[in-house]
Amino acid sequence: AAAQRAGIEVEALYPDEILIDGAEFDPSAHFSEWRMRQREWIASKDERVAKAHEAAQRLHSAGKTFESIAKDLTKDAVRSATGKPWTADSVRKLLFP
């Protein structure tokens, strides 16, 4: 009802497998796997932050700017705590909370 009031088109999705673009889609399996990946992502936050901090500290000690550190972390696929792209400000906050 809230979606309808907001003008959002909603399509009912039943837990039965359906064909989407010629491929089978199992909503139960899909969302079960998504929840598992989400739990793993949340559980690995401390590890991601520690890895990012170590890499950023090394680059900062080498004299790099926050902007160049952000570019290097992104290029090297070092993930942030949230998974968002690195910015100079997010690097500064990581190094100097």
N, C-alpha and C. Protein backbone atom coordinates (compact mmCIF):
# COMPACT_ATOMS: atom_id res chain seq x y z
N ALA A 1 0.83 -1.19 0.00
CA ALA A 1 0.00 0.00 0.00
C ALA A 1 0.87 1.26 0.00
N ALA A 2 1.95 1.24 0.79
CA ALA A 2 2.84 2.41 0.84
C ALA A 2 3.49 2.66 -0.52
N ALA A 3 3.87 1.60 -1.20
CA ALA A 3 4.48 1.74 -2.53
C ALA A 3 3.47 2.33 -3.51
N GLN A 4 2.25 1.87 -3.43
CA GLN A 4 1.22 2.40 -4.33
C GLN A 4 0.97 3.88 -4.06
N ARG A 5 0.91 4.27 -2.78
CA ARG A 5 0.71 5.68 -2.44
C ARG A 5 1.86 6.53 -2.95
N ALA A 6 3.07 5.96 -2.99
CA ALA A 6 4.24 6.69 -3.46
C ALA A 6 4.37 6.63 -4.98
N GLY A 7 3.46 5.93 -5.62
CA GLY A 7 3.50 5.83 -7.07
C GLY A 7 4.53 4.85 -7.60
N ILE A 8 4.93 3.91 -6.75
CA ILE A 8 5.93 2.90 -7.14
C ILE A 8 5.20 1.66 -7.64
N GLU A 9 5.56 1.23 -8.84
CA GLU A 9 4.94 0.05 -9.41
C GLU A 9 5.53 -1.20 -8.75
N VAL A 10 4.68 -2.06 -8.26
CA VAL A 10 5.11 -3.26 -7.56
C VAL A 10 4.60 -4.48 -8.31
N GLU A 11 5.47 -5.45 -8.45
CA GLU A 11 5.07 -6.70 -9.08
C GLU A 11 5.27 -7.82 -8.06
N ALA A 12 4.22 -8.59 -7.86
CA ALA A 12 4.29 -9.69 -6.89
C ALA A 12 5.33 -10.70 -7.34
N LEU A 13 6.10 -11.18 -6.40
CA LEU A 13 7.12 -12.18 -6.69
C LEU A 13 6.88 -13.36 -5.76
N TYR A 14 6.50 -14.47 -6.35
CA TYR A 14 6.23 -15.66 -5.57
C TYR A 14 7.51 -16.49 -5.47
N PRO A 15 7.63 -17.34 -4.48
CA PRO A 15 8.87 -18.09 -4.29
C PRO A 15 9.11 -19.20 -5.30
N ASP A 16 8.24 -19.31 -6.29
CA ASP A 16 8.43 -20.33 -7.33
C ASP A 16 9.52 -19.85 -8.29
N GLU A 17 10.24 -20.80 -8.86
CA GLU A 17 11.23 -20.44 -9.89
C GLU A 17 10.50 -19.84 -11.08
N ILE A 18 11.12 -18.83 -11.68
CA ILE A 18 10.54 -18.18 -12.85
C ILE A 18 11.64 -18.00 -13.89
N LEU A 19 11.23 -17.74 -15.12
CA LEU A 19 12.18 -17.47 -16.19
C LEU A 19 12.33 -15.96 -16.33
N ILE A 20 13.56 -15.50 -16.33
CA ILE A 20 13.86 -14.09 -16.58
C ILE A 20 14.90 -14.06 -17.68
N ASP A 21 14.54 -13.46 -18.80
CA ASP A 21 15.43 -13.41 -19.97
C ASP A 21 15.96 -14.79 -20.34
N GLY A 22 15.11 -15.79 -20.24
CA GLY A 22 15.47 -17.14 -20.64
C GLY A 22 16.26 -17.92 -19.60
N ALA A 23 16.53 -17.32 -18.45
CA ALA A 23 17.27 -18.01 -17.39
C ALA A 23 16.37 -18.24 -16.19
N GLU A 24 16.54 -19.39 -15.54
CA GLU A 24 15.75 -19.69 -14.35
C GLU A 24 16.21 -18.82 -13.19
N PHE A 25 15.22 -18.30 -12.46
CA PHE A 25 15.50 -17.49 -11.28
C PHE A 25 14.74 -18.09 -10.12
N ASP A 26 15.49 -18.46 -9.08
CA ASP A 26 14.89 -19.04 -7.88
C ASP A 26 14.99 -17.99 -6.77
N PRO A 27 13.91 -17.27 -6.48
CA PRO A 27 13.97 -16.20 -5.49
C PRO A 27 14.42 -16.67 -4.11
N SER A 28 13.97 -17.85 -3.69
CA SER A 28 14.36 -18.35 -2.37
C SER A 28 15.87 -18.55 -2.30
N ALA A 29 16.44 -19.19 -3.30
CA ALA A 29 17.88 -19.42 -3.31
C ALA A 29 18.63 -18.10 -3.44
N HIS A 30 18.13 -17.23 -4.31
CA HIS A 30 18.80 -15.94 -4.54
C HIS A 30 18.91 -15.13 -3.25
N PHE A 31 17.79 -14.96 -2.55
CA PHE A 31 17.81 -14.13 -1.36
C PHE A 31 18.48 -14.83 -0.18
N SER A 32 18.45 -16.15 -0.16
CA SER A 32 19.18 -16.88 0.87
C SER A 32 20.69 -16.67 0.69
N GLU A 33 21.16 -16.75 -0.55
CA GLU A 33 22.58 -16.50 -0.84
C GLU A 33 22.94 -15.06 -0.56
N TRP A 34 22.03 -14.12 -0.87
CA TRP A 34 22.29 -12.71 -0.61
C TRP A 34 22.45 -12.48 0.88
N ARG A 35 21.59 -13.07 1.72
CA ARG A 35 21.70 -12.91 3.17
C ARG A 35 23.03 -13.47 3.68
N MET A 36 23.46 -14.60 3.12
CA MET A 36 24.73 -15.19 3.54
C MET A 36 25.89 -14.26 3.17
N ARG A 37 25.88 -13.72 1.93
CA ARG A 37 26.93 -12.78 1.52
C ARG A 37 26.92 -11.54 2.40
N GLN A 38 25.74 -11.06 2.77
CA GLN A 38 25.61 -9.88 3.63
C GLN A 38 26.21 -10.15 5.01
N ARG A 39 25.91 -11.31 5.58
CA ARG A 39 26.48 -11.68 6.89
C ARG A 39 28.01 -11.75 6.81
N GLU A 40 28.52 -12.34 5.72
CA GLU A 40 29.98 -12.44 5.54
C GLU A 40 30.60 -11.05 5.40
N TRP A 41 29.94 -10.15 4.65
CA TRP A 41 30.42 -8.79 4.47
C TRP A 41 30.50 -8.07 5.82
N ILE A 42 29.45 -8.20 6.63
CA ILE A 42 29.43 -7.55 7.94
C ILE A 42 30.52 -8.14 8.83
N ALA A 43 30.68 -9.45 8.81
CA ALA A 43 31.67 -10.10 9.67
C ALA A 43 33.10 -9.75 9.28
N SER A 44 33.32 -9.36 8.03
CA SER A 44 34.69 -9.07 7.58
C SER A 44 35.06 -7.59 7.69
N LYS A 45 34.21 -6.77 8.31
CA LYS A 45 34.45 -5.33 8.38
C LYS A 45 35.78 -5.01 9.06
N ASP A 46 36.02 -5.58 10.23
CA ASP A 46 37.26 -5.28 10.96
C ASP A 46 38.50 -5.63 10.14
N GLU A 47 38.44 -6.75 9.44
CA GLU A 47 39.55 -7.18 8.59
C GLU A 47 39.76 -6.19 7.43
N ARG A 48 38.66 -5.74 6.79
CA ARG A 48 38.77 -4.76 5.69
C ARG A 48 39.36 -3.45 6.18
N VAL A 49 38.90 -2.99 7.34
CA VAL A 49 39.39 -1.72 7.88
C VAL A 49 40.87 -1.83 8.23
N ALA A 50 41.28 -2.94 8.84
CA ALA A 50 42.69 -3.12 9.21
C ALA A 50 43.58 -3.15 7.97
N LYS A 51 43.14 -3.86 6.95
CA LYS A 51 43.92 -3.95 5.71
C LYS A 51 44.02 -2.57 5.05
N ALA A 52 42.92 -1.85 5.01
CA ALA A 52 42.91 -0.52 4.41
C ALA A 52 43.79 0.44 5.21
N HIS A 53 43.71 0.37 6.53
CA HIS A 53 44.50 1.25 7.38
C HIS A 53 45.99 0.99 7.17
N GLU A 54 46.36 -0.27 7.13
CA GLU A 54 47.76 -0.63 6.92
C GLU A 54 48.28 -0.09 5.58
N ALA A 55 47.51 -0.29 4.53
CA ALA A 55 47.91 0.18 3.20
C ALA A 55 47.96 1.71 3.15
N ALA A 56 46.95 2.36 3.72
CA ALA A 56 46.91 3.83 3.71
C ALA A 56 48.06 4.41 4.53
N GLN A 57 48.35 3.80 5.66
CA GLN A 57 49.45 4.28 6.52
C GLN A 57 50.79 4.16 5.79
N ARG A 58 50.98 3.05 5.11
CA ARG A 58 52.21 2.85 4.35
C ARG A 58 52.36 3.92 3.27
N LEU A 59 51.28 4.19 2.54
CA LEU A 59 51.32 5.19 1.48
C LEU A 59 51.50 6.60 2.05
N HIS A 60 50.85 6.87 3.17
CA HIS A 60 50.98 8.19 3.81
C HIS A 60 52.41 8.40 4.30
N SER A 61 53.00 7.36 4.86
CA SER A 61 54.39 7.45 5.33
C SER A 61 55.36 7.68 4.18
N ALA A 62 54.96 7.26 2.98
CA ALA A 62 55.79 7.47 1.78
C ALA A 62 55.59 8.87 1.21
N GLY A 63 54.74 9.68 1.87
CA GLY A 63 54.57 11.06 1.46
C GLY A 63 53.43 11.31 0.49
N LYS A 64 52.59 10.32 0.27
CA LYS A 64 51.48 10.51 -0.67
C LYS A 64 50.38 11.34 -0.04
N THR A 65 49.66 12.06 -0.89
CA THR A 65 48.52 12.86 -0.43
C THR A 65 47.32 11.95 -0.21
N PHE A 66 46.33 12.48 0.52
CA PHE A 66 45.12 11.71 0.75
C PHE A 66 44.45 11.35 -0.58
N GLU A 67 44.46 12.29 -1.52
CA GLU A 67 43.85 12.05 -2.84
C GLU A 67 44.55 10.92 -3.57
N SER A 68 45.89 10.94 -3.57
CA SER A 68 46.61 9.88 -4.28
C SER A 68 46.48 8.54 -3.56
N ILE A 69 46.39 8.58 -2.25
CA ILE A 69 46.16 7.34 -1.49
C ILE A 69 44.80 6.76 -1.87
N ALA A 70 43.78 7.62 -1.95
CA ALA A 70 42.44 7.17 -2.32
C ALA A 70 42.48 6.49 -3.69
N LYS A 71 43.17 7.10 -4.63
CA LYS A 71 43.27 6.53 -5.98
C LYS A 71 43.99 5.19 -5.95
N ASP A 72 45.07 5.11 -5.18
CA ASP A 72 45.83 3.85 -5.10
C ASP A 72 45.00 2.74 -4.44
N LEU A 73 44.31 3.07 -3.35
CA LEU A 73 43.49 2.05 -2.68
C LEU A 73 42.40 1.53 -3.62
N THR A 74 41.79 2.45 -4.35
CA THR A 74 40.74 2.05 -5.29
C THR A 74 41.33 1.19 -6.40
N LYS A 75 42.45 1.63 -6.95
CA LYS A 75 43.11 0.89 -8.05
C LYS A 75 43.51 -0.51 -7.59
N ASP A 76 43.98 -0.62 -6.34
CA ASP A 76 44.44 -1.91 -5.82
C ASP A 76 43.30 -2.75 -5.24
N ALA A 77 42.07 -2.28 -5.40
CA ALA A 77 40.87 -2.99 -4.93
C ALA A 77 40.89 -3.25 -3.42
N VAL A 78 41.45 -2.29 -2.67
CA VAL A 78 41.40 -2.36 -1.22
C VAL A 78 40.03 -1.82 -0.82
N ARG A 79 39.22 -2.65 -0.21
CA ARG A 79 37.83 -2.29 0.08
C ARG A 79 37.74 -1.42 1.34
N SER A 80 36.83 -0.47 1.29
CA SER A 80 36.55 0.35 2.47
C SER A 80 35.59 -0.40 3.38
N ALA A 81 35.36 0.14 4.56
CA ALA A 81 34.44 -0.50 5.50
C ALA A 81 33.04 -0.62 4.91
N THR A 82 32.64 0.36 4.12
CA THR A 82 31.29 0.37 3.55
C THR A 82 31.23 -0.16 2.14
N GLY A 83 32.38 -0.29 1.49
CA GLY A 83 32.41 -0.72 0.11
C GLY A 83 32.32 0.43 -0.87
N LYS A 84 32.17 1.64 -0.34
CA LYS A 84 32.10 2.81 -1.21
C LYS A 84 33.49 3.13 -1.74
N PRO A 85 33.55 3.85 -2.87
CA PRO A 85 34.86 4.25 -3.41
C PRO A 85 35.59 5.17 -2.42
N TRP A 86 36.90 5.07 -2.44
CA TRP A 86 37.73 5.90 -1.57
C TRP A 86 37.74 7.34 -2.06
N THR A 87 37.75 8.26 -1.10
CA THR A 87 37.93 9.69 -1.38
C THR A 87 39.04 10.18 -0.48
N ALA A 88 39.55 11.37 -0.78
CA ALA A 88 40.59 11.95 0.08
C ALA A 88 40.06 12.06 1.51
N ASP A 89 38.80 12.46 1.67
CA ASP A 89 38.23 12.63 3.00
C ASP A 89 38.09 11.29 3.73
N SER A 90 37.68 10.25 3.02
CA SER A 90 37.53 8.95 3.70
C SER A 90 38.90 8.39 4.11
N VAL A 91 39.94 8.68 3.34
CA VAL A 91 41.30 8.27 3.71
C VAL A 91 41.74 9.04 4.95
N ARG A 92 41.49 10.35 4.97
CA ARG A 92 41.86 11.17 6.13
C ARG A 92 41.18 10.64 7.39
N LYS A 93 39.89 10.33 7.28
CA LYS A 93 39.13 9.82 8.44
C LYS A 93 39.64 8.44 8.87
N LEU A 94 40.10 7.66 7.93
CA LEU A 94 40.64 6.34 8.27
C LEU A 94 41.94 6.49 9.05
N LEU A 95 42.80 7.41 8.59
CA LEU A 95 44.10 7.58 9.23
C LEU A 95 44.06 8.41 10.51
N PHE A 96 43.15 9.37 10.55
CA PHE A 96 43.07 10.27 11.70
C PHE A 96 41.63 10.39 12.18
N PRO A 97 41.14 9.32 12.84
CA PRO A 97 39.72 9.29 13.27
C PRO A 97 39.37 10.35 14.30
